């Protein structure tokens, strides 16, 4: 009877001494964080890329709190080492995908279980979103504007349109992002554009003044931060 009581006591002590989730073990969790840029329309801008030097948090057990923090390397990879067996939650913060403001932040998380002393778990890739302004990239577009002078319905001559206003928009939005001016030869260059679909226009006179001006549109796409697009000449009219 004493032996049984002693055995139960030993088991109770061992259970009580079993380590909780956290530091002090031989297991590890690693993974990758990627970044997806989005513009003010909540559209994806360009391809995903590794989230360099990003904060990654780990929660031990069911605490729901950040018990430790790591950072990603240049390739977006992170690793939490020296963990014991148990359940963990890995989480990161992202810009809100439903707003063009950077606050509040969204939390993206996933649970990871370590079932062995020397488990080496690989978490699913996590994606964070980052708001970028239209002029926060490296793409460019250039073109030329001409102006044809008419008398009645007959064209007289065509010249470069100096100091013409060029309006820039996203392809799916009527709001004007910015205005640019052509140089003395009617040329324009717009730089620092993020990947995405755009359109620009220049106003042209109609034959009847009562009709007001009409817009001459050109659509284009910046595929990457190294894209350089050359547009066809934009031809305007002056009556």
Foldseek 3Di string as FASTA:
>chain_A
DVVVVVVVVVVVVVVVPPDFKDAAFFEKEKEFEWEWEAEQVLHTFADIAGDAQFKKFKDTAPPPDGPDIDTAHRRRMDMDGRIAFFKMKMKGWAADSVGLDRPDIDIDMDMDGGHDRNHYHYDYYHYHYDYDYQLQFQEKEKEFEKEWEDDQPDTDDIATDFQFKKFKDAPPDPDTPDIDTAHPRRMDMDGSGTWHKMKMWTWADDSDVVVPTDIQMDIDTDHHRHHYYYTYYGYHYDD
